Amino acid sequence: MSTHLVLTVIAADRPGLVSQLSDTITAGGGNWLDARMASLAGQFAGVLLVGVADERADALAAALQALPGLRLVVEKSSPLPSGGGAAAVPAGLVLRLELLGQDRPGIVRDISRVLAERQVSITEFETERSSGSFSGEAMFKARALLQLPPGLDPFDLRQALESQANEWMVDLGVAPAAA
């Protein structure tokens, strides 16, 4: 039987962090399954999923937590029956959301509120703040994969988001995610 370890890690960014993590995982009998990592304001931040045999899970978790210079949280989880790494969300249509507009406080709150009101699960979410190419104004870009609950019409979700797009002053696209 196997266990999944879900890790969150934060550390001052420096070369070799991923190597240090992967060496420890491999030495502890773990298998690196999935990860999202980035350097943000000089800090390395990551979330990663590791598979490991049940009898080795505690020792691997202890070895990871003993790594110097890292703030690490390790949570144990059982693998899903399908063997996938996604959270247990009822199967439904998956849509891709893309948004671009001037940055402002509260934009993520506003988008996520519309989604939460409709029980839509965000399975992937990536944001970026950059300068506009001509104006130099702060621009906000978001990309997300959305898992719709059974029974929610994608047209209704698209309409709800697009009705807010003018108020939010953003360009918004919602389309089926590529398989």
Foldseek 3Di string as FASTA:
>chain_A
DKKKKKKKKKFQDDPPPVVVLVVLQVVLQKDWDDKDWDQDPRMIIMITMIMHHPVSVVVSVVSVPPDPGMDMDIDIDHADPVNDDFDPAPAAFKKKKKKKFFDDPCPVVVLVVLCVVQPKDWRDKDKDWAADPPPRGIMIIMITIIGGHPPDDVVVSVVSVVVCCVVVGMDMDMDGDDD
